Protein backbone atom coordinates (compact mmCIF):
# COMPACT_ATOMS: atom_id res chain seq x y z
CA MET A 1 28.23 120.84 26.36
CA ALA A 2 25.92 120.84 29.21
CA GLU A 3 22.62 122.34 29.25
CA ARG A 4 20.51 122.94 32.36
CA ALA A 5 17.82 120.48 32.92
CA GLY A 6 14.26 121.81 33.54
CA ASN A 7 14.46 119.77 37.25
CA GLY A 8 17.62 121.66 38.27
CA SER A 9 20.02 118.38 36.94
CA VAL A 10 22.97 118.93 34.82
CA PRO A 11 23.90 116.43 32.05
CA THR A 12 26.85 114.57 31.72
CA ASN A 13 28.99 114.30 28.71
CA GLN A 14 27.94 110.54 29.01
CA GLY A 15 23.73 111.60 29.07
CA LEU A 16 23.36 110.89 33.06
CA LEU A 17 21.94 113.23 35.14
CA VAL A 18 23.74 114.57 38.41
CA ALA A 19 21.39 115.18 41.08
CA ASP A 20 20.43 117.94 42.21
CA ASP A 21 20.95 119.53 45.82
CA GLU A 22 17.23 118.52 46.92
CA VAL A 23 18.04 114.71 45.37
CA PHE A 24 21.88 114.95 46.71
CA ALA A 25 20.26 115.85 50.41
CA ARG A 26 17.82 113.11 50.40
CA THR A 27 20.20 110.25 49.09
CA SER A 28 23.30 111.39 51.82
CA ASP A 29 20.45 111.42 54.63
CA ALA A 30 19.78 108.10 53.13
CA TYR A 31 23.33 106.59 53.57
CA VAL A 32 24.21 108.74 57.63
CA ALA A 33 23.37 105.07 58.98
CA ARG A 34 25.43 103.00 56.76
CA ALA A 35 28.31 105.74 56.62
CA VAL A 36 28.62 106.11 60.66
CA GLY A 37 28.53 101.91 60.82
CA LEU A 38 31.30 101.91 58.36
CA ALA A 39 33.55 104.94 59.90
CA TRP A 40 32.50 102.51 63.80
CA TYR A 41 34.28 99.48 62.16
CA LEU A 42 37.57 101.85 60.81
CA MET A 43 37.82 104.34 63.44
CA GLY A 44 37.13 101.35 66.81
CA ASN A 45 34.52 103.96 69.19
CA ARG A 46 31.26 106.07 67.86
CA SER A 47 32.39 109.69 69.19
CA ASP A 48 34.77 109.24 66.27
CA ALA A 49 32.59 107.50 63.64
CA GLU A 50 30.16 110.24 64.38
CA ASP A 51 32.64 112.78 63.99
CA ALA A 52 34.25 111.67 60.84
CA THR A 53 30.84 110.67 59.00
CA GLN A 54 29.80 114.43 59.56
CA GLU A 55 32.96 115.98 58.52
CA ALA A 56 32.72 113.33 55.53
CA MET A 57 29.62 114.61 54.75
CA THR A 58 30.43 118.12 54.71
CA ARG A 59 32.84 117.48 52.29
CA ALA A 60 30.71 115.75 50.24
CA TRP A 61 28.29 118.91 50.19
CA ALA A 62 31.28 120.82 49.05
CA ALA A 63 32.36 118.97 46.45
CA ARG A 64 28.68 117.60 45.39
CA ARG A 65 29.20 118.73 41.57
CA SER A 66 31.89 116.92 41.06
CA LEU A 67 29.42 113.33 41.46
CA ARG A 68 28.65 112.94 37.89
CA GLU A 69 26.09 109.75 38.40
CA SER A 70 23.89 109.34 41.09
CA ALA A 71 24.72 105.73 40.82
CA SER A 72 28.25 106.14 42.12
CA PHE A 73 27.41 107.98 45.33
CA ASP A 74 27.58 104.98 47.11
CA ALA A 75 31.25 104.26 45.82
CA TRP A 76 32.36 108.52 45.74
CA PHE A 77 31.32 108.82 49.44
CA ASP A 78 33.28 105.78 50.72
CA ARG A 79 36.09 107.12 49.58
CA ILE A 80 35.55 110.62 51.15
CA LEU A 81 34.68 108.91 54.38
CA VAL A 82 37.79 106.97 54.39
CA ASN A 83 39.98 109.62 53.93
CA CYS A 84 37.85 111.14 56.64
CA CYS A 85 38.59 108.51 58.95
CA ARG A 86 42.39 108.29 58.04
CA GLU A 87 43.38 112.06 58.47
CA ARG A 88 41.59 111.69 62.04
CA GLN A 89 43.92 108.67 63.14
CA ARG A 90 46.85 110.36 61.56
CA ARG A 91 45.71 113.42 64.05
CA GLN A 92 45.09 111.61 67.03
CA HIS A 93 48.56 109.81 66.96
CA ARG A 94 49.68 113.82 67.16
CA ILE A 95 47.59 114.74 69.49
CA ARG A 96 47.32 113.69 73.06
CA GLU A 97 43.84 113.10 74.61
CA ILE A 98 43.27 113.85 77.79
CA PRO A 99 39.80 112.31 79.58
CA ILE A 100 38.00 115.07 81.35
CA GLN A 101 34.94 114.55 83.82
CA ILE A 102 32.75 116.95 84.21
CA GLY A 103 30.54 117.31 87.52
CA GLY A 104 31.87 114.22 88.54
CA GLU A 105 30.08 112.37 85.95
CA GLY A 106 31.49 108.94 84.87
CA GLU A 107 32.35 108.82 80.86
CA VAL A 108 29.37 107.31 78.68
CA GLU A 109 30.32 103.72 77.74
CA ASP A 110 30.72 103.64 73.82
CA GLU A 111 29.37 100.57 73.48
CA PHE A 112 30.50 99.16 70.27
CA ALA A 113 33.81 99.71 71.72
CA ALA A 114 33.17 97.59 74.65
CA VAL A 115 32.26 94.94 72.85
CA LEU A 116 34.66 95.10 69.90
CA ALA A 117 37.10 94.87 73.06
CA ARG A 118 35.39 91.79 74.53
CA ASP A 119 35.86 89.80 71.04
CA SER A 120 38.43 88.03 69.72
CA ILE A 121 37.55 89.02 66.03
CA GLY A 122 37.26 92.88 67.65
CA ARG A 123 40.78 92.97 69.75
CA ALA A 124 42.36 91.94 66.12
CA LEU A 125 40.95 94.07 63.99
CA ALA A 126 41.54 97.00 66.41
CA SER A 127 45.02 95.91 65.94
CA LEU A 128 45.10 96.52 62.21
CA THR A 129 46.68 99.40 60.82
CA LEU A 130 44.02 101.52 59.42
CA GLU A 131 44.59 100.84 56.20
CA GLN A 132 44.40 97.21 56.96
CA ARG A 133 41.11 97.70 58.79
CA THR A 134 39.81 99.69 56.08
CA VAL A 135 40.11 96.61 53.04
CA VAL A 136 39.08 94.39 55.55
CA VAL A 137 35.98 96.19 56.83
CA LEU A 138 34.92 96.84 52.85
CA ARG A 139 35.65 93.55 51.85
CA TYR A 140 33.70 91.49 54.72
CA TRP A 141 31.57 94.12 56.42
CA LEU A 142 29.88 95.72 52.97
CA ASP A 143 30.89 92.37 51.19
CA LEU A 144 32.70 94.57 48.28
CA ARG A 145 34.65 92.94 45.87
CA LEU A 146 38.37 93.47 45.95
CA GLU A 147 38.55 95.48 42.90
CA GLN A 148 35.55 97.66 44.03
CA ILE A 149 37.87 98.35 46.87
CA ALA A 150 40.82 99.64 45.07
CA GLU A 151 37.86 101.55 42.25
CA ARG A 152 36.67 103.28 46.28
CA LEU A 153 40.11 103.94 47.81
CA ALA A 154 42.01 104.38 44.27
CA TRP A 155 44.58 101.95 45.29
CA PRO A 156 46.29 99.67 42.92
CA LEU A 157 44.11 96.03 42.89
CA GLY A 158 47.88 94.57 44.30
CA THR A 159 48.04 96.79 47.33
CA VAL A 160 44.32 95.74 48.08
CA LYS A 161 45.58 92.05 47.90
CA SER A 162 48.25 92.58 49.57
CA ARG A 163 46.66 94.42 52.63
CA LEU A 164 43.90 92.13 52.79
CA HIS A 165 46.28 89.04 52.93
CA ASN A 166 48.41 90.92 55.96
CA ALA A 167 45.64 92.05 57.44
CA LEU A 168 43.95 88.40 57.53
CA ALA A 169 47.55 86.73 58.93
CA THR A 170 47.24 89.19 61.45
CA ILE A 171 43.84 88.35 62.57
CA ARG A 172 44.41 84.75 62.19
CA GLU A 173 47.73 85.13 64.36
CA ARG A 174 46.03 87.11 66.77
CA VAL A 175 42.43 84.99 67.63
CA GLU A 176 45.00 81.79 68.06
CA TRP A 177 47.02 84.00 70.45
CA ASP A 178 43.77 84.75 71.96
CA ASP A 179 42.28 81.29 72.06
CA ALA A 180 45.50 79.85 73.35
CA GLU A 181 45.59 82.61 76.28
CA VAL A 182 42.05 81.32 76.96
CA GLN A 183 43.21 77.77 76.78
CA LYS A 184 45.71 78.27 79.62
């Protein structure tokens, strides 16, 4: 049985300590910039990335007692963040957004989205399904091994391999098409 340790942490049955609220808050605060970057690649724009990250942080805080090992925070939080991004993507397909201009001011440009739109790899990445884009970003932006991706997403390894293979084929095809268009 687990007993409370003097520092506010709770030992797990493996003898590892689960971080107390203060340690959890510091860990998550240090992780915010990386989380927004990951969400930005998955969602394609800053506003949605920030919203998804905030939602993921809220969910992580509510579920913080389920984190057994402080060392596995990245994998645990990545899964929560990816799930938030997937849910937001599904909701966006059901909801039609209408941009509203207030006071005659133009909409503030999302620099990251603008760069992706100009870049052939960015356009190819945006053309992928969210599942494919997730695997590509985790593999090449976070430099995770396929086994780590499967673990973080709770997907079979074969599914991760298949989605990565299909995503890379789509990216290759899209970039070749863009190159052919430029050469015309």
